[in-house]
C-alpha atoms as a PDB file:
ATOM      1  CA  MET A   1      31.829 -30.907  42.567  1.00  0.00           C
ATOM      2  CA  ARG A   2      30.863 -31.875  39.060  1.00  0.00           C
ATOM      3  CA  PHE A   3      26.846 -30.476  39.664  1.00  0.00           C
ATOM      4  CA  LEU A   4      29.426 -26.757  40.650  1.00  0.00           C
ATOM      5  CA  SER A   5      31.324 -27.625  37.798  1.00  0.00           C
ATOM      6  CA  ALA A   6      28.345 -28.192  35.480  1.00  0.00           C
ATOM      7  CA  LEU A   7      26.457 -25.133  36.674  1.00  0.00           C
ATOM      8  CA  LEU A   8      29.412 -22.983  36.167  1.00  0.00           C
ATOM      9  CA  GLY A   9      29.783 -24.048  32.615  1.00  0.00           C
ATOM     10  CA  LEU A  10      25.856 -23.346  31.965  1.00  0.00           C
ATOM     11  CA  CYS A  11      26.280 -19.621  33.426  1.00  0.00           C
ATOM     12  CA  VAL A  12      29.236 -19.150  31.497  1.00  0.00           C
ATOM     13  CA  LEU A  13      27.544 -20.614  28.112  1.00  0.00           C
ATOM     14  CA  LEU A  14      24.155 -18.364  28.723  1.00  0.00           C
ATOM     15  CA  ALA A  15      26.197 -14.920  29.278  1.00  0.00           C
ATOM     16  CA  VAL A  16      28.143 -15.900  26.043  1.00  0.00           C
ATOM     17  CA  ASN A  17      24.824 -16.300  24.338  1.00  0.00           C
ATOM     18  CA  CYS A  18      23.245 -13.210  25.923  1.00  0.00           C
ATOM     19  CA  GLN A  19      26.542 -11.155  24.382  1.00  0.00           C
ATOM     20  CA  THR A  20      26.122 -12.431  21.376  1.00  0.00           C
ATOM     21  CA  ALA A  21      22.115 -11.513  21.138  1.00  0.00           C
ATOM     22  CA  PHE A  22      22.902  -8.180  22.419  1.00  0.00           C
ATOM     23  CA  ALA A  23      25.613  -7.703  20.159  1.00  0.00           C
ATOM     24  CA  LEU A  24      23.627  -8.744  17.248  1.00  0.00           C
ATOM     25  CA  ALA A  25      20.373  -6.793  18.570  1.00  0.00           C
ATOM     26  CA  SER A  26      22.614  -3.394  19.032  1.00  0.00           C
ATOM     27  CA  THR A  27      24.032  -4.120  15.153  1.00  0.00           C
ATOM     28  CA  LYS A  28      20.739  -4.049  14.003  1.00  0.00           C
ATOM     29  CA  GLU A  29      19.369  -1.056  16.091  1.00  0.00           C
ATOM     30  CA  ASN A  30      22.634   0.885  14.496  1.00  0.00           C
ATOM     31  CA  ALA A  31      21.555  -0.302  10.999  1.00  0.00           C
ATOM     32  CA  GLN A  32      18.389   1.056  11.435  1.00  0.00           C
ATOM     33  CA  SER A  33      19.693   4.184  13.131  1.00  0.00           C
ATOM     34  CA  LYS A  34      22.055   4.830  10.055  1.00  0.00           C
ATOM     35  CA  ILE A  35      18.451   5.026   7.608  1.00  0.00           C
ATOM     36  CA  LYS A  36      18.088   9.007   6.937  1.00  0.00           C
ATOM     37  CA  LEU A  37      14.709   9.774   8.578  1.00  0.00           C
ATOM     38  CA  GLN A  38      12.420  12.281   7.066  1.00  0.00           C
ATOM     39  CA  GLN A  39       9.127  14.383   7.794  1.00  0.00           C
ATOM     40  CA  VAL A  40       6.889  13.938   4.800  1.00  0.00           C
ATOM     41  CA  ASP A  41       2.863  15.058   5.105  1.00  0.00           C
ATOM     42  CA  SER A  42       1.607  14.142   1.682  1.00  0.00           C
ATOM     43  CA  LEU A  43       0.912  10.002   0.585  1.00  0.00           C
ATOM     44  CA  PRO A  44       1.458  11.386  -2.715  1.00  0.00           C
ATOM     45  CA  ASP A  45       4.927  12.654  -1.983  1.00  0.00           C
ATOM     46  CA  VAL A  46       5.560   9.230  -0.525  1.00  0.00           C
ATOM     47  CA  VAL A  47       4.319   7.795  -4.004  1.00  0.00           C
ATOM     48  CA  ARG A  48       6.860   9.941  -5.529  1.00  0.00           C
ATOM     49  CA  GLN A  49       9.717   9.087  -3.681  1.00  0.00           C
ATOM     50  CA  THR A  50       9.043   5.487  -4.066  1.00  0.00           C
ATOM     51  CA  LEU A  51       8.918   5.916  -7.789  1.00  0.00           C
ATOM     52  CA  ALA A  52      12.263   7.657  -7.605  1.00  0.00           C
ATOM     53  CA  LEU A  53      14.247   4.835  -5.668  1.00  0.00           C
ATOM     54  CA  HIS A  54      12.212   2.121  -8.222  1.00  0.00           C
ATOM     55  CA  PHE A  55      13.685   3.768 -11.075  1.00  0.00           C
ATOM     56  CA  GLY A  56      17.055   4.430  -9.431  1.00  0.00           C
ATOM     57  CA  GLU A  57      17.024   8.344  -8.752  1.00  0.00           C
ATOM     58  CA  LEU A  58      17.294   8.186  -4.878  1.00  0.00           C
ATOM     59  CA  SER A  59      20.151   7.344  -3.676  1.00  0.00           C
ATOM     60  CA  ASP A  60      19.542   7.816   0.363  1.00  0.00           C
ATOM     61  CA  TYR A  61      17.787   4.653   0.549  1.00  0.00           C
ATOM     62  CA  LYS A  62      19.251   1.116  -0.732  1.00  0.00           C
ATOM     63  CA  ASN A  63      15.741  -0.156  -0.765  1.00  0.00           C
ATOM     64  CA  ILE A  64      11.868   0.106  -0.206  1.00  0.00           C
ATOM     65  CA  ASP A  65      12.150  -1.364   3.321  1.00  0.00           C
ATOM     66  CA  GLU A  66      14.548   1.201   4.200  1.00  0.00           C
ATOM     67  CA  LEU A  67      12.330   3.804   2.343  1.00  0.00           C
ATOM     68  CA  ALA A  68       8.973   2.626   4.083  1.00  0.00           C
ATOM     69  CA  ARG A  69      11.153   2.541   7.613  1.00  0.00           C
ATOM     70  CA  SER A  70      12.863   6.501   6.763  1.00  0.00           C
ATOM     71  CA  PHE A  71       9.311   8.633   7.190  1.00  0.00           C
ATOM     72  CA  VAL A  72       8.644   9.975  10.775  1.00  0.00           C
ATOM     73  CA  VAL A  73       4.790   8.855  10.543  1.00  0.00           C
ATOM     74  CA  PRO A  74       2.180  11.671  11.263  1.00  0.00           C
ATOM     75  CA  LYS A  75      -0.395  10.997  13.651  1.00  0.00           C
ATOM     76  CA  LYS A  76      -3.086  11.031  11.306  1.00  0.00           C
ATOM     77  CA  TYR A  77      -1.261   8.070   9.400  1.00  0.00           C
ATOM     78  CA  ARG A  78      -0.534   5.932  12.653  1.00  0.00           C
ATOM     79  CA  ARG A  79      -3.024   3.402  11.767  1.00  0.00           C
ATOM     80  CA  PRO A  80      -3.842   0.651   8.873  1.00  0.00           C
ATOM     81  CA  ALA A  81      -5.757   0.799   6.590  1.00  0.00           C
ATOM     82  CA  GLY A  82      -6.654  -0.923   2.982  1.00  0.00           C
ATOM     83  CA  LEU A  83      -5.659   1.205   0.502  1.00  0.00           C
ATOM     84  CA  PHE A  84      -5.174   1.755  -3.231  1.00  0.00           C
ATOM     85  CA  VAL A  85      -2.498   3.988  -5.186  1.00  0.00           C
ATOM     86  CA  THR A  86      -3.113   4.905  -8.568  1.00  0.00           C
ATOM     87  CA  LEU A  87      -0.824   6.565 -11.457  1.00  0.00           C
ATOM     88  CA  SER A  88      -2.074   8.422 -13.922  1.00  0.00           C
ATOM     89  CA  HIS A  89      -0.945  10.859 -16.971  1.00  0.00           C
ATOM     90  CA  LYS A  90      -3.149  13.301 -18.620  1.00  0.00           C
ATOM     91  CA  GLY A  91      -6.305  11.753 -16.936  1.00  0.00           C
ATOM     92  CA  LYS A  92      -5.586   8.210 -18.422  1.00  0.00           C
ATOM     93  CA  THR A  93      -4.599   5.584 -15.863  1.00  0.00           C
ATOM     94  CA  ARG A  94      -0.810   3.854 -15.935  1.00  0.00           C
ATOM     95  CA  ALA A  95      -1.341   1.570 -12.963  1.00  0.00           C
ATOM     96  CA  CYS A  96      -3.342   1.259  -9.837  1.00  0.00           C
ATOM     97  CA  TRP A  97      -3.012  -0.967  -7.544  1.00  0.00           C
ATOM     98  CA  GLY A  98      -4.058  -2.004  -3.626  1.00  0.00           C
ATOM     99  CA  SER A  99      -6.615  -3.567  -1.285  1.00  0.00           C
ATOM    100  CA  LEU A 100      -9.755  -3.468   0.847  1.00  0.00           C
ATOM    101  CA  ASP A 101      -7.636  -5.053   3.484  1.00  0.00           C
ATOM    102  CA  SER A 102      -4.981  -3.569   5.578  1.00  0.00           C
ATOM    103  CA  HIS A 103      -1.818  -4.962   5.122  1.00  0.00           C
ATOM    104  CA  TYR A 104       0.355  -2.821   6.632  1.00  0.00           C
ATOM    105  CA  PRO A 105       0.749  -0.673  10.610  1.00  0.00           C
ATOM    106  CA  ASN A 106       0.756   2.712   9.163  1.00  0.00           C
ATOM    107  CA  LEU A 107      -0.711   4.437   5.673  1.00  0.00           C
ATOM    108  CA  MET A 108       2.730   5.830   4.772  1.00  0.00           C
ATOM    109  CA  ALA A 109       4.291   2.691   4.919  1.00  0.00           C
ATOM    110  CA  ALA A 110       1.468   1.027   2.807  1.00  0.00           C
ATOM    111  CA  THR A 111       1.722   3.704   0.316  1.00  0.00           C
ATOM    112  CA  VAL A 112       5.237   3.008  -0.497  1.00  0.00           C
ATOM    113  CA  TYR A 113       4.454  -0.834  -0.991  1.00  0.00           C
ATOM    114  CA  THR A 114       0.907  -0.877  -2.680  1.00  0.00           C
ATOM    115  CA  THR A 115       3.379   1.714  -5.177  1.00  0.00           C
ATOM    116  CA  GLU A 116       5.967  -0.775  -5.796  1.00  0.00           C
ATOM    117  CA  ALA A 117       3.519  -3.304  -6.391  1.00  0.00           C
ATOM    118  CA  ALA A 118       1.850  -1.400  -8.814  1.00  0.00           C
ATOM    119  CA  LEU A 119       4.946  -0.898 -10.570  1.00  0.00           C
ATOM    120  CA  ARG A 120       5.512  -4.612 -10.690  1.00  0.00           C
ATOM    121  CA  LYS A 121       2.547  -6.565 -10.547  1.00  0.00           C
ATOM    122  CA  GLU A 122       0.098  -4.374 -12.990  1.00  0.00           C
ATOM    123  CA  TYR A 123      -0.257  -6.731 -16.157  1.00  0.00           C
ATOM    124  CA  ARG A 124      -3.502  -4.674 -17.514  1.00  0.00           C
ATOM    125  CA  PHE A 125      -1.374  -1.885 -18.757  1.00  0.00           C
ATOM    126  CA  LYS A 126       2.259  -1.364 -20.393  1.00  0.00           C
ATOM    127  CA  GLN A 127       4.836  -1.379 -17.858  1.00  0.00           C
ATOM    128  CA  ILE A 128       5.608   2.655 -16.839  1.00  0.00           C
ATOM    129  CA  ASN A 129       9.272   2.889 -17.979  1.00  0.00           C
ATOM    130  CA  SER A 130      11.666   5.357 -16.399  1.00  0.00           C
ATOM    131  CA  VAL A 131      11.406   8.285 -18.957  1.00  0.00           C
ATOM    132  CA  GLU A 132       7.545   8.759 -18.119  1.00  0.00           C
ATOM    133  CA  TRP A 133       7.746   8.181 -13.821  1.00  0.00           C
ATOM    134  CA  GLN A 134       8.237  11.953 -13.619  1.00  0.00           C
ATOM    135  CA  PHE A 135       5.432  13.086 -15.782  1.00  0.00           C
ATOM    136  CA  LEU A 136       2.999  10.530 -13.463  1.00  0.00           C
ATOM    137  CA  LYS A 137       0.165  12.087 -11.139  1.00  0.00           C
ATOM    138  CA  PRO A 138      -0.169   9.933  -8.066  1.00  0.00           C
ATOM    139  CA  GLN A 139      -3.542   9.052  -6.209  1.00  0.00           C
ATOM    140  CA  VAL A 140      -3.490   7.475  -2.858  1.00  0.00           C
ATOM    141  CA  SER A 141      -7.057   6.374  -2.341  1.00  0.00           C
ATOM    142  CA  VAL A 142      -7.406   5.167   2.028  1.00  0.00           C
ATOM    143  CA  ILE A 143     -10.344   3.068   2.274  1.00  0.00           C
ATOM    144  CA  ARG A 144     -12.549   3.907   5.144  1.00  0.00           C
ATOM    145  CA  GLY A 145     -15.089   1.238   4.624  1.00  0.00           C
ATOM    146  CA  VAL A 146     -17.152  -1.006   2.701  1.00  0.00           C
ATOM    147  CA  GLU A 147     -21.003  -1.680   3.332  1.00  0.00           C
ATOM    148  CA  PRO A 148     -23.015  -3.795   0.782  1.00  0.00           C
ATOM    149  CA  ILE A 149     -25.845  -1.518  -0.793  1.00  0.00           C
ATOM    150  CA  THR A 150     -29.104  -3.097  -2.503  1.00  0.00           C
ATOM    151  CA  SER A 151     -28.825  -0.879  -5.624  1.00  0.00           C
ATOM    152  CA  ILE A 152     -27.036   2.359  -7.046  1.00  0.00           C
ATOM    153  CA  ALA A 153     -29.756   4.475  -6.364  1.00  0.00           C
ATOM    154  CA  GLY A 154     -28.474   7.342  -4.798  1.00  0.00           C
ATOM    155  CA  GLN A 155     -24.639   6.281  -5.485  1.00  0.00           C
ATOM    156  CA  ASN A 156     -22.623   9.148  -6.073  1.00  0.00           C
ATOM    157  CA  ALA A 157     -19.626   8.130  -7.929  1.00  0.00           C
ATOM    158  CA  LEU A 158     -17.448  10.927  -7.545  1.00  0.00           C
ATOM    159  CA  ALA A 159     -17.578  10.680  -3.440  1.00  0.00           C
ATOM    160  CA  TYR A 160     -17.917   6.759  -3.479  1.00  0.00           C
ATOM    161  CA  GLY A 161     -16.328   3.685  -5.193  1.00  0.00           C
ATOM    162  CA  LEU A 162     -17.935   0.940  -5.748  1.00  0.00           C
ATOM    163  CA  MET A 163     -16.948  -2.892  -5.444  1.00  0.00           C
ATOM    164  CA  VAL A 164     -19.558  -5.599  -7.367  1.00  0.00           C
ATOM    165  CA  ARG A 165     -19.033  -9.521  -6.547  1.00  0.00           C
ATOM    166  CA  GLN A 166     -20.090 -12.963  -7.804  1.00  0.00           C
ATOM    167  CA  GLY A 167     -18.880 -16.006  -6.987  1.00  0.00           C
ATOM    168  CA  ASN A 168     -15.154 -15.763  -7.120  1.00  0.00           C
ATOM    169  CA  LYS A 169     -15.543 -12.589  -9.321  1.00  0.00           C
ATOM    170  CA  ALA A 170     -14.877  -9.230  -8.059  1.00  0.00           C
ATOM    171  CA  ALA A 171     -14.028  -6.043  -9.090  1.00  0.00           C
ATOM    172  CA  VAL A 172     -13.312  -2.177  -7.268  1.00  0.00           C
ATOM    173  CA  VAL A 173     -13.884   1.001  -8.998  1.00  0.00           C
ATOM    174  CA  LEU A 174     -12.516   3.940  -7.025  1.00  0.00           C
ATOM    175  CA  PRO A 175     -14.003   7.202  -6.386  1.00  0.00           C
ATOM    176  CA  GLY A 176     -13.892   9.526  -9.501  1.00  0.00           C
ATOM    177  CA  GLU A 177     -13.008   7.219 -11.699  1.00  0.00           C
ATOM    178  CA  ALA A 178     -16.717   7.110 -13.449  1.00  0.00           C
ATOM    179  CA  SER A 179     -19.194  10.050 -13.901  1.00  0.00           C
ATOM    180  CA  ASP A 180     -22.293   8.391 -12.414  1.00  0.00           C
ATOM    181  CA  ALA A 181     -23.394   5.431 -10.949  1.00  0.00           C
ATOM    182  CA  TYR A 182     -24.663   3.583 -13.899  1.00  0.00           C
ATOM    183  CA  TYR A 183     -21.220   3.642 -15.638  1.00  0.00           C
ATOM    184  CA  GLN A 184     -19.228   3.006 -12.792  1.00  0.00           C
ATOM    185  CA  LEU A 185     -21.423   0.081 -12.045  1.00  0.00           C
ATOM    186  CA  MET A 186     -20.865  -0.822 -15.701  1.00  0.00           C
ATOM    187  CA  ILE A 187     -16.992  -0.185 -15.499  1.00  0.00           C
ATOM    188  CA  CYS A 188     -16.862  -2.790 -12.133  1.00  0.00           C
ATOM    189  CA  LYS A 189     -18.562  -5.448 -14.145  1.00  0.00           C
ATOM    190  CA  VAL A 190     -16.725  -5.576 -17.187  1.00  0.00           C
ATOM    191  CA  LYS A 191     -13.496  -5.436 -15.044  1.00  0.00           C
ATOM    192  CA  ALA A 192     -14.991  -8.286 -12.718  1.00  0.00           C
ATOM    193  CA  GLY A 193     -15.876 -10.719 -16.131  1.00  0.00           C
ATOM    194  CA  ILE A 194     -19.411 -10.728 -14.763  1.00  0.00           C
ATOM    195  CA  PRO A 195     -22.198 -10.327 -18.035  1.00  0.00           C
ATOM    196  CA  SER A 196     -23.861  -6.604 -17.826  1.00  0.00           C
ATOM    197  CA  LYS A 197     -27.536  -8.029 -17.119  1.00  0.00           C
ATOM    198  CA  GLN A 198     -26.482 -10.317 -14.410  1.00  0.00           C
ATOM    199  CA  ARG A 199     -27.667  -9.585 -11.144  1.00  0.00           C
ATOM    200  CA  CYS A 200     -24.677  -9.459  -8.319  1.00  0.00           C
ATOM    201  CA  GLN A 201     -23.345  -7.970  -4.927  1.00  0.00           C
ATOM    202  CA  ILE A 202     -22.741  -4.471  -4.592  1.00  0.00           C
ATOM    203  CA  TYR A 203     -20.814  -2.726  -2.042  1.00  0.00           C
ATOM    204  CA  ARG A 204     -20.351   1.484  -1.429  1.00  0.00           C
ATOM    205  CA  ILE A 205     -16.789   2.203  -0.782  1.00  0.00           C
ATOM    206  CA  LYS A 206     -15.849   4.637   1.442  1.00  0.00           C
ATOM    207  CA  ALA A 207     -12.550   6.128   0.915  1.00  0.00           C
ATOM    208  CA  ASP A 208     -10.323   9.311   1.550  1.00  0.00           C
ATOM    209  CA  VAL A 209      -8.708  10.305  -1.765  1.00  0.00           C
ATOM    210  CA  PHE A 210      -4.868  12.015  -1.669  1.00  0.00           C
ATOM    211  CA  LYS A 211      -3.694  13.828  -5.085  1.00  0.00           C
END
């Protein structure tokens, strides 16, 4: 009898726990289902929405997590990839942030979080303010591959990006940020803190650029 009573008590406890877990899962699912879903086909448009949310001009979502979950992701963006977001005004960079490695499950989520990082973590330029953000031009560079090269001969700075590395020093210049390969290499070395005449490892960056 004691065994049966204990077994019955355990069953009741398991049932209560299951009901609690189901209720919590349902609450979470309902909370997520209330997020306003949207279809956006352009990664630069995702950048613009993130900017609007950051500066309090988008009231449909409470935070960037909700915004990142709000997009109905097109098939072409349903993949992880390294990604950079560049914000510029009249041809001058105001912020640029990203990674050669993938950190998010799809390109739209990556664009949201990378844009937010560009706004909060970029230290090389004056912080973007609530007046100028609407005039910024967004560019999203999605990394397709990085390959080592032995020289910049044949490097097309408009079509390919460049990365330099020496020890723990490294820097990236994205496609189109320099007019020619030699200038691209010099910019990269300056950004990395590598002397211009010092040898270093160089890598060609293949990327799809969305403006």
